[in-house]
């Protein structure tokens, strides 16, 4: 877990920055730190921790929810139809479907369920801490209609199979580098289907594009599309199927991939995980959510570009550190960070501070910078570290290893 309490016994440190005042006054004094002297660690002192890559360091556990503001993932929608406009929803019905779909999919993201598997498990339930928004471009509303006899159809088997073909995405996508483009397509006409071809609800993720088919023909309701949308977006955000392979998570057990629980045989209890194929798809595990948020917090990940960069906006509501904490995993903060008297905060990875924000270390508080990187990721400047002293009670900043402070406003 990336957010936990710890007991301070001994800390091996190489560099130390403290503030020394000779004043006998009880007046509060402050000093701003804008750089840290680098210290060369000996071989046995160099950290071997994997704190910045461990997926569980990015899991939004309930006790660390303040460190995981809800991220907003941008989506737009495309409805493919034939030129005679007979093979998909009308414009009005399409827009109503998108509205209901987003509402229901986001509701599911706010009501994560406990895992069914393994039977008797104690896997924690965490809020996913992300949601979808409809992203418009220029004067449009983020919902597009295309009438194209050649590219409108979807086929997942047979002579005309094109489920992995990206031509329709390449031709009609809008803002594909920063927006997930969802394409609703009809299945191929009956005369092109083999005898074994079935018209089912299905989808496939292709980069930042997503093709969905089968809902117009089968008359499925928006809530039935929501589960498929969450599954396919899960792929785009970095998750894999879990029933038949190693998906990188120990809390997603392999299973027979039963559609529902039947009480007998291998399907006594079916999975309800969003990345399995089942009639629920309502559970995300801590590791799965950690994998998603690790991508969200990776400066170079394609998934980060899909987010509304809310971390660039400064919030006046400061994050208060009242008890000892270790921050593992990168973080994008929205406000000042205030380490309260008697508490200690250790930062081990990258932390973004918005324009004007500061890290404030109160008298009697400790900030440990352990080979971390503090910066602004929005092309602006933050305020640096403010260390406070009152009488003989001082704030303390300790650095260990390669600590970088960048993008700090000059004096």
Protein backbone atom coordinates (compact mmCIF):
# COMPACT_ATOMS: atom_id res chain seq x y z
CA UNK A 1 0.00 0.00 0.00
CA UNK A 2 1.39 3.40 -0.90
CA UNK A 3 -0.19 5.24 2.03
CA UNK A 4 0.48 3.92 5.45
CA UNK A 5 1.56 4.86 8.93
CA UNK A 6 5.04 4.03 10.12
CA UNK A 7 7.12 4.30 13.30
CA UNK A 8 10.22 6.46 13.18
CA UNK A 9 13.12 4.54 14.69
CA UNK A 10 16.18 5.31 12.60
CA UNK A 11 16.54 6.88 9.17
CA UNK A 12 19.78 6.58 7.20
CA UNK A 13 20.26 9.99 5.64
CA UNK A 14 23.16 11.53 3.78
CA UNK A 15 22.11 15.16 3.34
CA UNK A 16 20.33 17.29 5.92
CA UNK A 17 18.87 20.76 5.65
CA UNK A 18 17.70 22.42 8.82
CA UNK A 19 17.01 25.99 9.86
CA UNK A 20 18.95 27.51 12.70
CA UNK A 21 17.79 30.69 14.43
CA UNK A 22 19.25 32.34 17.52
CA UNK A 23 16.23 34.44 18.27
CA UNK A 24 14.59 33.96 21.67
CA UNK A 25 11.29 35.24 20.29
CA UNK A 26 8.26 32.97 19.85
CA UNK A 27 7.56 34.67 16.53
CA UNK A 28 6.95 32.30 13.61
CA UNK A 29 9.88 32.46 11.19
CA UNK A 30 9.94 30.94 7.71
CA UNK A 31 12.55 30.12 5.11
CA UNK A 32 11.96 28.94 1.56
CA UNK A 33 13.95 26.09 0.04
CA UNK A 34 14.30 26.07 -3.74
CA UNK A 35 17.10 23.56 -4.23
CA UNK A 36 18.66 20.55 -2.53
CA UNK A 37 22.36 19.74 -2.62
CA UNK A 38 22.93 16.40 -4.31
CA UNK A 39 24.65 13.65 -2.32
CA UNK A 40 26.46 10.66 -3.79
CA UNK A 41 25.30 7.50 -2.04
CA UNK A 42 27.60 4.62 -1.33
CA UNK A 43 26.71 1.24 -2.86
CA UNK A 44 25.15 -0.14 0.32
CA UNK A 45 23.08 3.02 0.82
CA UNK A 46 21.47 3.14 -2.61
CA UNK A 47 17.78 2.40 -2.51
CA UNK A 48 16.60 -0.88 -4.03
CA UNK A 49 12.91 -0.08 -3.55
CA UNK A 50 10.47 -0.43 -6.44
CA UNK A 51 8.13 2.07 -4.82
CA UNK A 52 7.57 4.09 -7.99
CA UNK A 53 6.56 1.09 -10.17
CA UNK A 54 4.63 -1.12 -7.76
CA UNK A 55 1.00 -1.12 -8.91
CA UNK A 56 -0.28 -1.32 -5.33
CA UNK A 57 1.48 1.97 -4.58
CA UNK A 58 -1.14 3.55 -6.88
CA UNK A 59 -4.23 1.85 -5.50
CA UNK A 60 -6.89 4.30 -4.22
CA UNK A 61 -7.46 2.54 -0.90
CA UNK A 62 -10.22 4.13 1.23
CA UNK A 63 -7.73 5.45 3.80
CA UNK A 64 -5.72 7.21 1.07
CA UNK A 65 -8.65 8.61 -0.92
CA UNK A 66 -7.51 12.22 -0.39
CA UNK A 67 -4.47 11.44 -2.54
CA UNK A 68 -6.63 10.19 -5.43
CA UNK A 69 -8.96 12.89 -6.75
CA UNK A 70 -11.31 11.48 -9.38
CA UNK A 71 -9.63 11.55 -12.79
CA UNK A 72 -11.77 12.48 -15.79
CA UNK A 73 -11.31 10.38 -18.94
CA UNK A 74 -12.35 12.03 -22.22
CA UNK A 75 -14.61 10.14 -24.65
CA UNK A 76 -16.46 10.96 -27.84
CA UNK A 77 -18.91 8.83 -29.84
CA UNK A 78 -19.40 7.98 -33.52
CA UNK A 79 -22.45 6.28 -35.04
CA UNK A 80 -21.79 4.52 -38.33
CA UNK A 81 -24.68 4.00 -40.73
CA UNK A 82 -25.40 3.20 -44.33
CA UNK A 83 -26.16 6.04 -46.68
CA UNK A 84 -29.88 5.22 -46.56
CA UNK A 85 -29.75 5.68 -42.73
CA UNK A 86 -31.46 2.36 -41.95
CA UNK A 87 -28.74 0.50 -40.02
CA UNK A 88 -28.24 2.46 -36.83
CA UNK A 89 -30.04 4.68 -34.35
CA UNK A 90 -31.52 8.02 -35.35
CA UNK A 91 -29.63 11.16 -34.35
CA UNK A 92 -32.00 11.94 -31.48
CA UNK A 93 -31.98 8.38 -30.14
CA UNK A 94 -28.18 8.18 -30.49
CA UNK A 95 -27.69 11.30 -28.38
CA UNK A 96 -30.10 10.02 -25.76
CA UNK A 97 -28.27 6.69 -25.70
CA UNK A 98 -24.91 8.42 -25.11
CA UNK A 99 -26.38 10.43 -22.26
CA UNK A 100 -27.82 7.33 -20.56
CA UNK A 101 -24.71 5.27 -21.28
CA UNK A 102 -22.35 7.75 -19.65
CA UNK A 103 -24.61 8.12 -16.64
CA UNK A 104 -24.83 4.35 -16.12
CA UNK A 105 -21.16 3.61 -16.80
CA UNK A 106 -20.10 6.29 -14.32
CA UNK A 107 -22.55 4.96 -11.75
CA UNK A 108 -20.85 1.56 -12.02
CA UNK A 109 -17.48 3.23 -11.52
CA UNK A 110 -18.81 4.65 -8.25
CA UNK A 111 -20.25 1.35 -6.98
CA UNK A 112 -17.40 -1.13 -7.16
CA UNK A 113 -18.47 -4.59 -5.93
CA UNK A 114 -16.61 -7.13 -3.84
CA UNK A 115 -14.90 -9.84 -5.90
CA UNK A 116 -16.76 -13.16 -6.19
CA UNK A 117 -13.48 -15.05 -6.71
CA UNK A 118 -11.67 -16.71 -5.19
CA UNK A 119 -14.48 -18.07 -3.05
CA UNK A 120 -14.16 -16.73 0.50
CA UNK A 121 -11.73 -13.98 -0.53
CA UNK A 122 -11.00 -10.88 1.54
CA UNK A 123 -9.94 -8.70 -1.41
CA UNK A 124 -10.44 -5.02 -0.43
CA UNK A 125 -13.02 -2.94 -2.28
CA UNK A 126 -11.73 0.42 -3.50
CA UNK A 127 -13.38 3.20 -5.47
CA UNK A 128 -11.98 3.32 -9.02
CA UNK A 129 -11.48 7.13 -8.74
CA UNK A 130 -12.01 7.84 -12.43
CA UNK A 131 -15.02 8.75 -14.56
CA UNK A 132 -15.95 9.55 -18.16
CA UNK A 133 -16.82 12.88 -19.69
CA UNK A 134 -18.16 13.64 -23.16
CA UNK A 135 -15.47 15.72 -24.88
CA UNK A 136 -16.48 18.14 -27.61
CA UNK A 137 -14.21 19.77 -30.18
CA UNK A 138 -14.70 23.32 -31.44
CA UNK A 139 -18.43 23.76 -32.15
CA UNK A 140 -19.55 20.11 -31.98
CA UNK A 141 -21.00 18.17 -29.06
CA UNK A 142 -18.68 15.16 -29.19
CA UNK A 143 -21.25 12.94 -30.97
CA UNK A 144 -20.72 12.28 -34.68
CA UNK A 145 -22.70 10.60 -37.47
CA UNK A 146 -21.15 9.00 -40.53
CA UNK A 147 -22.98 7.51 -43.51
CA UNK A 148 -20.56 5.22 -45.29
CA UNK A 149 -21.69 2.02 -47.05
CA UNK A 150 -18.11 0.76 -47.27
CA UNK A 151 -16.87 1.26 -43.69
CA UNK A 152 -19.96 1.20 -41.51
CA UNK A 153 -20.25 -2.56 -40.91
CA UNK A 154 -18.58 -4.73 -38.25
CA UNK A 155 -17.72 -8.43 -38.64
CA UNK A 156 -15.94 -10.54 -36.03
CA UNK A 157 -15.63 -13.72 -38.10
CA UNK A 158 -15.89 -15.06 -41.63
CA UNK A 159 -14.85 -13.79 -45.04
CA UNK A 160 -15.61 -10.16 -44.20
CA UNK A 161 -14.00 -10.13 -40.77
CA UNK A 162 -12.77 -6.63 -39.91
CA UNK A 163 -12.96 -6.35 -36.13
CA UNK A 164 -9.26 -5.53 -35.89
CA UNK A 165 -9.24 -3.29 -38.95
CA UNK A 166 -8.65 0.37 -38.09
CA UNK A 167 -9.76 2.01 -41.36
CA UNK A 168 -12.95 3.48 -39.89
CA UNK A 169 -11.02 4.87 -36.92
CA UNK A 170 -8.33 6.38 -39.11
CA UNK A 171 -10.93 8.05 -41.34
CA UNK A 172 -13.36 9.44 -38.76
CA UNK A 173 -11.57 9.77 -35.40
CA UNK A 174 -11.51 13.19 -33.76
CA UNK A 175 -8.74 14.12 -31.31
CA UNK A 176 -7.55 10.53 -31.07
CA UNK A 177 -4.36 11.36 -29.16
CA UNK A 178 -6.30 12.85 -26.23
CA UNK A 179 -9.82 11.37 -26.54
CA UNK A 180 -11.09 7.78 -26.59
CA UNK A 181 -13.16 7.53 -29.78
CA UNK A 182 -16.07 5.07 -29.43
CA UNK A 183 -17.56 3.77 -32.70
CA UNK A 184 -21.04 2.19 -32.69
CA UNK A 185 -21.31 -0.02 -35.77
CA UNK A 186 -23.96 -2.41 -37.15
CA UNK A 187 -23.04 -6.02 -37.90
CA UNK A 188 -22.59 -7.01 -41.54
CA UNK A 189 -25.84 -7.56 -43.50
CA UNK A 190 -27.49 -10.96 -43.30
CA UNK A 191 -26.54 -11.90 -46.85
CA UNK A 192 -22.85 -11.63 -45.91
CA UNK A 193 -23.07 -13.73 -42.78
CA UNK A 194 -22.14 -17.40 -42.60
CA UNK A 195 -24.60 -19.86 -41.09
CA UNK A 196 -22.65 -19.83 -37.82
CA UNK A 197 -22.42 -16.04 -37.61
CA UNK A 198 -24.17 -14.66 -34.53
CA UNK A 199 -25.20 -11.07 -33.98
CA UNK A 200 -24.06 -10.43 -30.43
CA UNK A 201 -23.01 -7.43 -28.41
CA UNK A 202 -19.26 -7.19 -28.81
CA UNK A 203 -16.40 -4.73 -28.78
CA UNK A 204 -12.71 -4.37 -29.46
CA UNK A 205 -10.19 -1.77 -28.27
CA UNK A 206 -7.70 -0.56 -30.88
CA UNK A 207 -5.29 1.98 -29.42
CA UNK A 208 -7.42 4.94 -28.36
CA UNK A 209 -10.24 3.79 -30.63
CA UNK A 210 -13.02 1.44 -29.58
CA UNK A 211 -15.46 -0.41 -31.86
CA UNK A 212 -18.78 -1.63 -30.43
CA UNK A 213 -21.39 -3.64 -32.35
CA UNK A 214 -24.63 -5.51 -31.83
CA UNK A 215 -26.73 -3.09 -29.82
CA UNK A 216 -28.83 -1.60 -32.59
CA UNK A 217 -29.82 -5.04 -33.92
CA UNK A 218 -30.44 -6.67 -30.53
CA UNK A 219 -32.19 -3.70 -28.92
CA UNK A 220 -30.03 -3.83 -25.79
CA UNK A 221 -30.52 -1.16 -23.15
CA UNK A 222 -27.86 1.47 -22.27
CA UNK A 223 -27.07 -0.25 -18.96
CA UNK A 224 -26.15 -3.38 -20.92
CA UNK A 225 -23.74 -1.35 -23.04
CA UNK A 226 -22.17 0.23 -19.95
CA UNK A 227 -20.58 -3.02 -18.79
CA UNK A 228 -19.01 -3.57 -22.21
CA UNK A 229 -17.81 0.04 -22.35
CA UNK A 230 -16.09 -0.29 -18.96
CA UNK A 231 -14.47 -3.54 -20.09
CA UNK A 232 -13.10 -2.14 -23.34
CA UNK A 233 -11.98 1.14 -21.79
CA UNK A 234 -10.25 -1.03 -19.19
CA UNK A 235 -8.12 -2.43 -22.03
CA UNK A 236 -7.28 1.07 -23.24
CA UNK A 237 -6.27 2.05 -19.70
CA UNK A 238 -3.88 -0.89 -19.48
CA UNK A 239 -5.84 -3.92 -18.19
CA UNK A 240 -5.85 -7.39 -19.69
CA UNK A 241 -8.25 -10.32 -19.56
CA UNK A 242 -7.75 -12.17 -16.31
CA UNK A 243 -9.50 -15.54 -16.70
CA UNK A 244 -6.96 -17.29 -18.93
CA UNK A 245 -3.63 -15.53 -18.53
CA UNK A 246 -1.32 -13.72 -16.17
CA UNK A 247 -2.63 -10.16 -16.20
CA UNK A 248 0.01 -8.87 -13.77
CA UNK A 249 -2.28 -9.04 -10.73
CA UNK A 250 -2.31 -11.62 -7.95
CA UNK A 251 -5.85 -10.65 -6.87
CA UNK A 252 -7.48 -11.61 -10.21
CA UNK A 253 -7.56 -15.43 -10.16
CA UNK A 254 -7.76 -17.49 -13.33
CA UNK A 255 -11.23 -18.97 -13.77
CA UNK A 256 -13.43 -20.90 -16.25
CA UNK A 257 -14.86 -17.60 -17.55
CA UNK A 258 -18.44 -18.63 -16.79
CA UNK A 259 -21.14 -16.24 -17.91
CA UNK A 260 -23.15 -16.79 -14.72
CA UNK A 261 -23.19 -18.80 -11.51
CA UNK A 262 -24.97 -22.13 -12.03
CA UNK A 263 -24.36 -23.85 -8.72
CA UNK A 264 -22.74 -26.87 -10.33
CA UNK A 265 -19.43 -27.92 -11.86
CA UNK A 266 -16.85 -25.28 -12.68
CA UNK A 267 -19.52 -22.57 -12.68
CA UNK A 268 -20.56 -22.87 -9.04
CA UNK A 269 -19.58 -19.21 -8.65
CA UNK A 270 -18.86 -17.07 -11.70
CA UNK A 271 -16.44 -14.18 -11.74
CA UNK A 272 -17.87 -10.68 -11.52
CA UNK A 273 -14.65 -8.93 -12.53
CA UNK A 274 -14.96 -6.23 -15.17
CA UNK A 275 -12.20 -7.79 -17.29
CA UNK A 276 -13.78 -11.27 -17.40
CA UNK A 277 -16.74 -12.16 -19.63
CA UNK A 278 -19.70 -12.52 -17.27
CA UNK A 279 -23.19 -11.12 -16.67
CA UNK A 280 -21.99 -8.71 -13.98
CA UNK A 281 -18.60 -7.08 -14.76
CA UNK A 282 -18.94 -4.93 -11.65
CA UNK A 283 -15.72 -5.56 -9.71
CA UNK A 284 -12.26 -4.00 -10.00
CA UNK A 285 -9.47 -5.30 -7.76
CA UNK A 286 -6.90 -3.14 -5.92
CA UNK A 287 -4.17 -4.26 -8.31
CA UNK A 288 -6.24 -3.49 -11.41
CA UNK A 289 -6.99 0.00 -10.14
CA UNK A 290 -3.35 0.42 -9.23
CA UNK A 291 -2.32 -0.44 -12.79
CA UNK A 292 -4.74 2.16 -14.16
CA UNK A 293 -3.63 4.92 -11.81
CA UNK A 294 0.04 4.09 -12.39
CA UNK A 295 -0.57 4.93 -16.05
CA UNK A 296 -2.50 8.05 -15.11
CA UNK A 297 0.50 9.24 -13.07
CA UNK A 298 3.14 8.31 -15.63
CA UNK A 299 4.26 11.49 -17.40
CA UNK A 300 5.00 9.56 -20.58
CA UNK A 301 2.05 7.15 -20.72
CA UNK A 302 -0.52 7.48 -23.51
CA UNK A 303 -3.29 7.00 -20.92
CA UNK A 304 -2.29 10.21 -19.13
CA UNK A 305 -3.02 12.19 -22.28
CA UNK A 306 -6.65 10.98 -22.16
CA UNK A 307 -7.25 12.81 -18.87
CA UNK A 308 -8.51 16.30 -18.23
CA UNK A 309 -5.37 17.83 -16.63
CA UNK A 310 -7.13 18.93 -13.45
CA UNK A 311 -3.83 18.85 -11.59
CA UNK A 312 -2.87 22.11 -13.33
CA UNK A 313 -5.55 24.00 -11.37
CA UNK A 314 -4.63 25.19 -7.87
CA UNK A 315 -7.09 24.40 -5.07
CA UNK A 316 -7.09 26.56 -1.96
CA UNK A 317 -8.01 23.55 0.20
CA UNK A 318 -4.62 22.38 1.46
CA UNK A 319 -3.76 18.74 2.10
CA UNK A 320 -2.92 18.43 5.80
CA UNK A 321 -0.52 15.73 6.99
CA UNK A 322 -1.38 15.11 10.66
CA UNK A 323 0.27 11.68 11.07
CA UNK A 324 3.40 9.99 9.74
CA UNK A 325 3.08 8.95 6.10
CA UNK A 326 5.23 7.42 3.37
CA UNK A 327 4.30 8.38 -0.18
CA UNK A 328 5.18 5.64 -2.63
CA UNK A 329 4.09 6.04 -6.22
CA UNK A 330 3.97 9.26 -8.26
CA UNK A 331 1.29 11.82 -7.42
CA UNK A 332 -0.29 14.91 -8.96
CA UNK A 333 -1.30 17.26 -6.16
CA UNK A 334 -3.86 20.04 -6.51
CA UNK A 335 -2.97 22.23 -3.53
CA UNK A 336 -0.49 23.16 -0.83
CA UNK A 337 0.82 20.29 1.29
CA UNK A 338 1.16 21.16 4.98
CA UNK A 339 3.09 18.81 7.24
CA UNK A 340 1.69 19.50 10.69
CA UNK A 341 3.73 19.73 13.89
CA UNK A 342 4.62 16.28 15.20
CA UNK A 343 4.11 14.54 11.84
CA UNK A 344 6.61 13.30 9.27
CA UNK A 345 6.11 12.90 5.53
CA UNK A 346 8.47 10.83 3.39
CA UNK A 347 8.23 11.32 -0.40
CA UNK A 348 9.82 8.59 -2.51
CA UNK A 349 8.69 9.31 -6.09
CA UNK A 350 7.53 12.09 -8.43
CA UNK A 351 5.13 14.72 -7.06
CA UNK A 352 3.58 17.51 -9.14
CA UNK A 353 2.63 20.79 -7.43
CA UNK A 354 0.29 23.23 -9.24
CA UNK A 355 1.21 26.83 -9.93
CA UNK A 356 1.70 28.77 -6.68
CA UNK A 357 1.44 25.72 -4.40
CA UNK A 358 3.97 25.07 -1.66
CA UNK A 359 5.02 22.30 0.68
CA UNK A 360 4.93 23.78 4.19
CA UNK A 361 6.77 22.16 7.09
CA UNK A 362 5.47 23.41 10.43
CA UNK A 363 7.63 23.73 13.56
CA UNK A 364 8.20 20.22 14.90
CA UNK A 365 7.32 18.57 11.56
CA UNK A 366 9.67 16.61 9.30
CA UNK A 367 9.80 16.28 5.51
CA UNK A 368 12.01 13.48 4.13
CA UNK A 369 12.85 13.68 0.44
CA UNK A 370 14.00 10.19 -0.53
CA UNK A 371 15.40 10.22 -4.09
CA UNK A 372 12.22 11.96 -5.27
CA UNK A 373 11.32 14.48 -7.95
CA UNK A 374 9.18 17.56 -7.13
CA UNK A 375 8.05 19.70 -10.05
CA UNK A 376 5.21 21.31 -12.00
CA UNK A 377 3.98 19.27 -14.98
CA UNK A 378 1.97 22.08 -16.59
CA UNK A 379 4.69 24.42 -17.82
CA UNK A 380 4.29 26.69 -14.79
CA UNK A 381 6.08 27.30 -11.49
CA UNK A 382 5.30 26.21 -7.93
CA UNK A 383 6.37 27.94 -4.73
CA UNK A 384 8.99 25.61 -3.26
CA UNK A 385 9.31 24.31 0.30
CA UNK A 386 8.56 26.61 3.22
CA UNK A 387 10.15 25.59 6.53
CA UNK A 388 8.85 27.18 9.73
CA UNK A 389 10.49 27.84 13.11
CA UNK A 390 8.96 29.07 16.34
CA UNK A 391 11.43 29.57 19.17
CA UNK A 392 13.46 26.39 19.55
CA UNK A 393 10.92 24.32 17.67
CA UNK A 394 11.98 23.90 14.06
CA UNK A 395 10.70 22.31 10.91
CA UNK A 396 13.16 19.86 9.40
CA UNK A 397 13.82 18.85 5.81
CA UNK A 398 16.00 15.80 5.20
CA UNK A 399 17.25 14.71 1.77
CA UNK A 400 18.46 11.27 0.83
CA UNK A 401 19.94 10.38 -2.54
CA UNK A 402 19.20 12.03 -5.88
CA UNK A 403 16.52 14.61 -5.03
CA UNK A 404 15.37 16.97 -7.78
CA UNK A 405 13.40 20.19 -7.31
CA UNK A 406 12.36 21.84 -10.57
CA UNK A 407 10.04 24.58 -11.85
CA UNK A 408 10.19 26.64 -8.64
CA UNK A 409 9.46 30.34 -8.92
CA UNK A 410 12.54 32.50 -8.34
CA UNK A 411 12.85 34.82 -5.34
